Amino acid sequence: MLSMEQLASCGVVPVVVLNDVKDAVPTAKALLRGGINVMEITFRTAAARDCIAKVAAEVPEIIAGAGTVVNVEQAREAVAAGAKFLVSPGSDPDVIAEAARLDVPIVPGVVTPSEIMMGLKLGIKVFKFFPAESYGGLKTIKALSGPFPQARFIPTGGISQANAAEYFKNPKIQAVGGSWMVSSAMIEAGDFDGIAEKSAAATALFREVRG
């Protein structure tokens, strides 16, 4: 199974919304040019499944995963398409159990101690803290880390190039999630050079902070 260290090695997990399959491979290659080897393709669009399959088949250097997975059926569909990991906006025990059955890592969303306790009980060690900035950002993560020192977080929601460094400095942060380097507007405009440039800036910031 893919490890969380592999998943988060570049420090950034891009949240990618793809409306057209033709954009999947160019977006993946642009992220790679910027030093990012992972992409969370959200299940918010009808093209998501085919995009995951396309990237998995044609850009194997990218670790393609599925985001916004909210039920067991989506988990199965994503893994069948080639997703190597799953991300959920919340914590559903059935979805977490299905990920274990499918032998793929899952990053469930949490904002409360109860959700973290449930996840830990099910073997989860890394949680998506979402929506991060709306729920107190680093201040809340630091507070949650007190009773749960074993937990690590991938905060997502409101993270940008401007505030990512503060998150990177915290040892409880496995990586950060976001779309500032790969926005829907950039994808739709075909601005793949811009995606590569912003991705390079994000990974450089991570290396600068973490060493």
C-alpha atoms as a PDB file:
ATOM      1  CA  MET A   1       0.000   0.000   0.000  1.00  0.00           C
ATOM      2  CA  LEU A   2       1.089   3.556  -0.727  1.00  0.00           C
ATOM      3  CA  SER A   3       2.514   5.190   2.405  1.00  0.00           C
ATOM      4  CA  MET A   4       1.564   8.629   3.672  1.00  0.00           C
ATOM      5  CA  GLU A   5       5.238   9.594   3.427  1.00  0.00           C
ATOM      6  CA  GLN A   6       5.159   8.826  -0.301  1.00  0.00           C
ATOM      7  CA  LEU A   7       1.862  10.619  -0.725  1.00  0.00           C
ATOM      8  CA  ALA A   8       3.051  13.770   1.005  1.00  0.00           C
ATOM      9  CA  SER A   9       6.718  13.805  -0.013  1.00  0.00           C
ATOM     10  CA  CYS A  10       6.481  17.085  -1.947  1.00  0.00           C
ATOM     11  CA  GLY A  11       4.514  18.785   0.822  1.00  0.00           C
ATOM     12  CA  VAL A  12       1.524  19.666  -1.325  1.00  0.00           C
ATOM     13  CA  VAL A  13      -1.549  17.659  -2.332  1.00  0.00           C
ATOM     14  CA  PRO A  14      -3.223  19.571  -5.174  1.00  0.00           C
ATOM     15  CA  VAL A  15      -7.012  19.446  -5.218  1.00  0.00           C
ATOM     16  CA  VAL A  16      -7.842  19.210  -8.908  1.00  0.00           C
ATOM     17  CA  VAL A  17     -11.294  19.743 -10.426  1.00  0.00           C
ATOM     18  CA  LEU A  18     -11.417  18.434 -14.002  1.00  0.00           C
ATOM     19  CA  ASN A  19     -14.479  18.948 -16.169  1.00  0.00           C
ATOM     20  CA  ASP A  20     -12.993  17.525 -19.368  1.00  0.00           C
ATOM     21  CA  VAL A  21     -10.925  14.374 -19.851  1.00  0.00           C
ATOM     22  CA  LYS A  22      -8.723  16.136 -22.400  1.00  0.00           C
ATOM     23  CA  ASP A  23      -7.276  18.284 -19.608  1.00  0.00           C
ATOM     24  CA  ALA A  24      -6.292  15.392 -17.335  1.00  0.00           C
ATOM     25  CA  VAL A  25      -2.920  14.453 -18.826  1.00  0.00           C
ATOM     26  CA  PRO A  26      -1.699  18.030 -19.542  1.00  0.00           C
ATOM     27  CA  THR A  27      -2.585  19.008 -15.958  1.00  0.00           C
ATOM     28  CA  ALA A  28      -0.760  16.006 -14.526  1.00  0.00           C
ATOM     29  CA  LYS A  29       2.320  16.737 -16.618  1.00  0.00           C
ATOM     30  CA  ALA A  30       2.270  20.401 -15.586  1.00  0.00           C
ATOM     31  CA  LEU A  31       2.209  19.416 -11.912  1.00  0.00           C
ATOM     32  CA  LEU A  32       5.148  17.066 -12.500  1.00  0.00           C
ATOM     33  CA  ARG A  33       7.135  19.848 -14.167  1.00  0.00           C
ATOM     34  CA  GLY A  34       6.585  21.868 -11.013  1.00  0.00           C
ATOM     35  CA  GLY A  35       7.872  19.075  -8.777  1.00  0.00           C
ATOM     36  CA  ILE A  36       4.486  17.770  -7.593  1.00  0.00           C
ATOM     37  CA  ASN A  37       4.017  14.027  -8.085  1.00  0.00           C
ATOM     38  CA  VAL A  38       0.521  13.647  -6.640  1.00  0.00           C
ATOM     39  CA  MET A  39      -2.931  14.882  -7.579  1.00  0.00           C
ATOM     40  CA  GLU A  40      -6.285  14.543  -5.859  1.00  0.00           C
ATOM     41  CA  ILE A  41      -8.879  14.473  -8.635  1.00  0.00           C
ATOM     42  CA  THR A  42     -12.201  15.357  -7.068  1.00  0.00           C
ATOM     43  CA  PHE A  43     -15.357  13.337  -7.653  1.00  0.00           C
ATOM     44  CA  ARG A  44     -17.335  16.561  -8.045  1.00  0.00           C
ATOM     45  CA  THR A  45     -17.583  16.226 -11.837  1.00  0.00           C
ATOM     46  CA  ALA A  46     -18.926  13.649 -14.257  1.00  0.00           C
ATOM     47  CA  ALA A  47     -15.462  13.378 -15.840  1.00  0.00           C
ATOM     48  CA  ALA A  48     -13.647  12.451 -12.610  1.00  0.00           C
ATOM     49  CA  ARG A  49     -13.564   8.693 -13.064  1.00  0.00           C
ATOM     50  CA  ASP A  50     -12.287   8.882 -16.650  1.00  0.00           C
ATOM     51  CA  CYS A  51      -9.721  11.518 -15.669  1.00  0.00           C
ATOM     52  CA  ILE A  52      -8.328   9.280 -12.937  1.00  0.00           C
ATOM     53  CA  ALA A  53      -8.114   6.381 -15.383  1.00  0.00           C
ATOM     54  CA  LYS A  54      -6.409   8.554 -17.999  1.00  0.00           C
ATOM     55  CA  VAL A  55      -3.758   9.868 -15.610  1.00  0.00           C
ATOM     56  CA  ALA A  56      -3.153   6.444 -14.076  1.00  0.00           C
ATOM     57  CA  ALA A  57      -2.598   4.939 -17.522  1.00  0.00           C
ATOM     58  CA  GLU A  58      -0.655   7.703 -19.242  1.00  0.00           C
ATOM     59  CA  VAL A  59       1.250   9.532 -16.484  1.00  0.00           C
ATOM     60  CA  PRO A  60       2.363   6.759 -14.097  1.00  0.00           C
ATOM     61  CA  GLU A  61       4.861   9.105 -12.451  1.00  0.00           C
ATOM     62  CA  ILE A  62       1.899  10.877 -10.858  1.00  0.00           C
ATOM     63  CA  ILE A  63       0.214   9.330  -7.842  1.00  0.00           C
ATOM     64  CA  ALA A  64      -3.399   9.829  -8.882  1.00  0.00           C
ATOM     65  CA  GLY A  65      -6.033   9.751  -6.166  1.00  0.00           C
ATOM     66  CA  ALA A  66      -9.701  10.548  -5.775  1.00  0.00           C
ATOM     67  CA  GLY A  67     -11.057  13.355  -3.650  1.00  0.00           C
ATOM     68  CA  THR A  68     -14.509  14.252  -2.382  1.00  0.00           C
ATOM     69  CA  VAL A  69     -15.239  10.554  -1.893  1.00  0.00           C
ATOM     70  CA  VAL A  70     -18.413  10.505   0.187  1.00  0.00           C
ATOM     71  CA  ASN A  71     -19.701   6.939  -0.108  1.00  0.00           C
ATOM     72  CA  VAL A  72     -18.615   3.342  -0.593  1.00  0.00           C
ATOM     73  CA  GLU A  73     -19.728   3.253  -4.231  1.00  0.00           C
ATOM     74  CA  GLN A  74     -17.471   6.174  -5.129  1.00  0.00           C
ATOM     75  CA  ALA A  75     -14.568   4.545  -3.311  1.00  0.00           C
ATOM     76  CA  ARG A  76     -14.981   1.374  -5.351  1.00  0.00           C
ATOM     77  CA  GLU A  77     -15.395   3.299  -8.600  1.00  0.00           C
ATOM     78  CA  ALA A  78     -12.303   5.413  -7.945  1.00  0.00           C
ATOM     79  CA  VAL A  79     -10.056   2.457  -7.133  1.00  0.00           C
ATOM     80  CA  ALA A  80     -11.367   0.529 -10.140  1.00  0.00           C
ATOM     81  CA  ALA A  81     -10.347   3.506 -12.287  1.00  0.00           C
ATOM     82  CA  GLY A  82      -6.825   3.436 -10.872  1.00  0.00           C
ATOM     83  CA  ALA A  83      -6.898   5.748  -7.846  1.00  0.00           C
ATOM     84  CA  LYS A  84      -3.996   5.029  -5.507  1.00  0.00           C
ATOM     85  CA  PHE A  85      -5.510   6.884  -2.536  1.00  0.00           C
ATOM     86  CA  LEU A  86      -8.805   8.359  -1.394  1.00  0.00           C
ATOM     87  CA  VAL A  87      -9.649  11.649   0.311  1.00  0.00           C
ATOM     88  CA  SER A  88     -12.981  12.453   1.926  1.00  0.00           C
ATOM     89  CA  PRO A  89     -14.344  15.786   3.192  1.00  0.00           C
ATOM     90  CA  GLY A  90     -15.670  13.993   6.278  1.00  0.00           C
ATOM     91  CA  SER A  91     -15.350  10.785   8.260  1.00  0.00           C
ATOM     92  CA  ASP A  92     -17.613   7.890   7.360  1.00  0.00           C
ATOM     93  CA  PRO A  93     -16.728   4.557   9.043  1.00  0.00           C
ATOM     94  CA  ASP A  94     -18.119   2.592   6.081  1.00  0.00           C
ATOM     95  CA  VAL A  95     -15.940   4.478   3.588  1.00  0.00           C
ATOM     96  CA  ILE A  96     -12.872   4.085   5.814  1.00  0.00           C
ATOM     97  CA  ALA A  97     -13.535   0.356   6.141  1.00  0.00           C
ATOM     98  CA  GLU A  98     -14.003   0.023   2.376  1.00  0.00           C
ATOM     99  CA  ALA A  99     -10.669   1.748   1.739  1.00  0.00           C
ATOM    100  CA  ALA A 100      -9.014  -0.798   4.027  1.00  0.00           C
ATOM    101  CA  ARG A 101     -10.738  -3.630   2.148  1.00  0.00           C
ATOM    102  CA  LEU A 102      -9.548  -2.147  -1.158  1.00  0.00           C
ATOM    103  CA  ASP A 103      -6.038  -1.793   0.304  1.00  0.00           C
ATOM    104  CA  VAL A 104      -5.696   1.918  -0.443  1.00  0.00           C
ATOM    105  CA  PRO A 105      -4.904   4.705   2.023  1.00  0.00           C
ATOM    106  CA  ILE A 106      -7.656   7.149   2.871  1.00  0.00           C
ATOM    107  CA  VAL A 107      -7.427  10.629   4.358  1.00  0.00           C
ATOM    108  CA  PRO A 108     -10.778  11.328   6.033  1.00  0.00           C
ATOM    109  CA  GLY A 109     -11.862  14.848   6.899  1.00  0.00           C
ATOM    110  CA  VAL A 110     -12.117  15.937  10.529  1.00  0.00           C
ATOM    111  CA  VAL A 111     -12.681  19.075  12.570  1.00  0.00           C
ATOM    112  CA  THR A 112     -13.618  17.647  15.981  1.00  0.00           C
ATOM    113  CA  PRO A 113     -12.036  15.447  18.675  1.00  0.00           C
ATOM    114  CA  SER A 114     -14.800  12.857  18.253  1.00  0.00           C
ATOM    115  CA  GLU A 115     -14.026  12.436  14.563  1.00  0.00           C
ATOM    116  CA  ILE A 116     -10.335  12.016  15.313  1.00  0.00           C
ATOM    117  CA  MET A 117     -11.069   9.440  18.021  1.00  0.00           C
ATOM    118  CA  MET A 118     -13.223   7.461  15.612  1.00  0.00           C
ATOM    119  CA  GLY A 119     -10.539   7.596  12.932  1.00  0.00           C
ATOM    120  CA  LEU A 120      -7.781   6.514  15.285  1.00  0.00           C
ATOM    121  CA  LYS A 121      -9.926   3.571  16.354  1.00  0.00           C
ATOM    122  CA  LEU A 122     -10.161   2.547  12.690  1.00  0.00           C
ATOM    123  CA  GLY A 123      -6.410   2.814  12.161  1.00  0.00           C
ATOM    124  CA  ILE A 124      -6.207   6.278  10.621  1.00  0.00           C
ATOM    125  CA  LYS A 125      -3.057   8.260  11.434  1.00  0.00           C
ATOM    126  CA  VAL A 126      -3.302  11.171   8.972  1.00  0.00           C
ATOM    127  CA  PHE A 127      -6.434  13.299   8.748  1.00  0.00           C
ATOM    128  CA  LYS A 128      -7.652  15.970   6.352  1.00  0.00           C
ATOM    129  CA  PHE A 129      -8.448  19.052   8.439  1.00  0.00           C
ATOM    130  CA  PHE A 130     -11.195  20.660   6.372  1.00  0.00           C
ATOM    131  CA  PRO A 131     -12.174  23.402   5.822  1.00  0.00           C
ATOM    132  CA  ALA A 132      -9.000  24.496   7.566  1.00  0.00           C
ATOM    133  CA  GLU A 133      -9.138  28.265   7.656  1.00  0.00           C
ATOM    134  CA  SER A 134     -12.869  28.299   8.397  1.00  0.00           C
ATOM    135  CA  TYR A 135     -12.302  26.133  11.485  1.00  0.00           C
ATOM    136  CA  GLY A 136      -9.443  28.057  13.038  1.00  0.00           C
ATOM    137  CA  GLY A 137      -6.519  26.827  10.951  1.00  0.00           C
ATOM    138  CA  LEU A 138      -3.264  26.232  12.783  1.00  0.00           C
ATOM    139  CA  LYS A 139      -4.662  27.423  16.097  1.00  0.00           C
ATOM    140  CA  THR A 140      -7.201  24.595  16.099  1.00  0.00           C
ATOM    141  CA  ILE A 141      -4.705  22.021  14.803  1.00  0.00           C
ATOM    142  CA  LYS A 142      -2.346  22.899  17.649  1.00  0.00           C
ATOM    143  CA  ALA A 143      -5.176  22.515  20.153  1.00  0.00           C
ATOM    144  CA  LEU A 144      -6.191  19.131  18.721  1.00  0.00           C
ATOM    145  CA  SER A 145      -2.589  17.935  18.736  1.00  0.00           C
ATOM    146  CA  GLY A 146      -2.511  18.151  22.538  1.00  0.00           C
ATOM    147  CA  PRO A 147      -4.817  15.202  23.266  1.00  0.00           C
ATOM    148  CA  PHE A 148      -3.914  13.462  19.990  1.00  0.00           C
ATOM    149  CA  PRO A 149      -0.107  13.647  19.662  1.00  0.00           C
ATOM    150  CA  GLN A 150      -0.105  10.656  17.315  1.00  0.00           C
ATOM    151  CA  ALA A 151      -2.301  12.375  14.711  1.00  0.00           C
ATOM    152  CA  ARG A 152      -0.961  14.167  11.655  1.00  0.00           C
ATOM    153  CA  PHE A 153      -2.924  16.523   9.437  1.00  0.00           C
ATOM    154  CA  ILE A 154      -3.297  17.608   5.828  1.00  0.00           C
ATOM    155  CA  PRO A 155      -5.111  20.936   6.201  1.00  0.00           C
ATOM    156  CA  THR A 156      -7.153  21.942   3.167  1.00  0.00           C
ATOM    157  CA  GLY A 157      -9.393  24.929   2.553  1.00  0.00           C
ATOM    158  CA  GLY A 158      -8.101  28.475   2.509  1.00  0.00           C
ATOM    159  CA  ILE A 159      -4.448  27.440   2.129  1.00  0.00           C
ATOM    160  CA  SER A 160      -2.413  29.480  -0.332  1.00  0.00           C
ATOM    161  CA  GLN A 161       1.146  30.378  -1.236  1.00  0.00           C
ATOM    162  CA  ALA A 162       0.805  33.282   1.193  1.00  0.00           C
ATOM    163  CA  ASN A 163       0.068  31.215   4.311  1.00  0.00           C
ATOM    164  CA  ALA A 164       1.387  27.732   3.478  1.00  0.00           C
ATOM    165  CA  ALA A 165       4.762  28.362   5.155  1.00  0.00           C
ATOM    166  CA  GLU A 166       3.146  28.752   8.582  1.00  0.00           C
ATOM    167  CA  TYR A 167       1.539  25.342   8.161  1.00  0.00           C
ATOM    168  CA  PHE A 168       4.763  23.756   6.897  1.00  0.00           C
ATOM    169  CA  LYS A 169       6.539  24.920  10.048  1.00  0.00           C
ATOM    170  CA  ASN A 170       4.275  22.830  12.262  1.00  0.00           C
ATOM    171  CA  PRO A 171       5.564  19.242  12.721  1.00  0.00           C
ATOM    172  CA  LYS A 172       2.005  17.908  12.934  1.00  0.00           C
ATOM    173  CA  ILE A 173       1.408  18.899   9.303  1.00  0.00           C
ATOM    174  CA  GLN A 174       2.035  16.022   6.914  1.00  0.00           C
ATOM    175  CA  ALA A 175       1.353  18.237   3.886  1.00  0.00           C
ATOM    176  CA  VAL A 176      -1.133  20.893   2.817  1.00  0.00           C
ATOM    177  CA  GLY A 177      -3.948  20.544   0.321  1.00  0.00           C
ATOM    178  CA  GLY A 178      -5.106  23.249  -2.016  1.00  0.00           C
ATOM    179  CA  SER A 179      -5.863  24.380  -5.528  1.00  0.00           C
ATOM    180  CA  TRP A 180      -4.024  27.675  -5.709  1.00  0.00           C
ATOM    181  CA  MET A 181      -1.441  26.163  -8.063  1.00  0.00           C
ATOM    182  CA  VAL A 182      -4.020  24.393 -10.233  1.00  0.00           C
ATOM    183  CA  SER A 183      -7.256  26.371 -10.237  1.00  0.00           C
ATOM    184  CA  SER A 184     -10.192  25.470 -12.462  1.00  0.00           C
ATOM    185  CA  ALA A 185      -9.740  28.766 -14.287  1.00  0.00           C
ATOM    186  CA  MET A 186      -6.131  27.917 -15.138  1.00  0.00           C
ATOM    187  CA  ILE A 187      -7.082  24.442 -16.363  1.00  0.00           C
ATOM    188  CA  GLU A 188      -9.947  25.716 -18.505  1.00  0.00           C
ATOM    189  CA  ALA A 189      -7.694  28.407 -19.980  1.00  0.00           C
ATOM    190  CA  GLY A 190      -5.058  25.819 -20.836  1.00  0.00           C
ATOM    191  CA  ASP A 191      -2.526  27.678 -18.698  1.00  0.00           C
ATOM    192  CA  PHE A 192      -0.393  24.617 -18.026  1.00  0.00           C
ATOM    193  CA  ASP A 193       2.820  26.657 -17.907  1.00  0.00           C
ATOM    194  CA  GLY A 194       1.220  28.719 -15.145  1.00  0.00           C
ATOM    195  CA  ILE A 195       0.312  25.548 -13.263  1.00  0.00           C
ATOM    196  CA  ALA A 196       3.893  24.317 -13.537  1.00  0.00           C
ATOM    197  CA  GLU A 197       5.216  27.680 -12.338  1.00  0.00           C
ATOM    198  CA  LYS A 198       2.921  27.882  -9.317  1.00  0.00           C
ATOM    199  CA  SER A 199       3.591  24.230  -8.479  1.00  0.00           C
ATOM    200  CA  ALA A 200       7.342  24.884  -8.531  1.00  0.00           C
ATOM    201  CA  ALA A 201       6.878  27.834  -6.186  1.00  0.00           C
ATOM    202  CA  ALA A 202       4.832  25.713  -3.782  1.00  0.00           C
ATOM    203  CA  THR A 203       7.356  22.866  -3.655  1.00  0.00           C
ATOM    204  CA  ALA A 204      10.233  25.318  -3.300  1.00  0.00           C
ATOM    205  CA  LEU A 205       8.496  26.886  -0.312  1.00  0.00           C
ATOM    206  CA  PHE A 206       8.068  23.458   1.277  1.00  0.00           C
ATOM    207  CA  ARG A 207      11.750  22.611   0.809  1.00  0.00           C
ATOM    208  CA  GLU A 208      12.781  26.012   2.139  1.00  0.00           C
ATOM    209  CA  VAL A 209      10.805  25.517   5.351  1.00  0.00           C
ATOM    210  CA  ARG A 210      11.373  21.799   5.928  1.00  0.00           C
ATOM    211  CA  GLY A 211      14.928  21.663   4.629  1.00  0.00           C
END
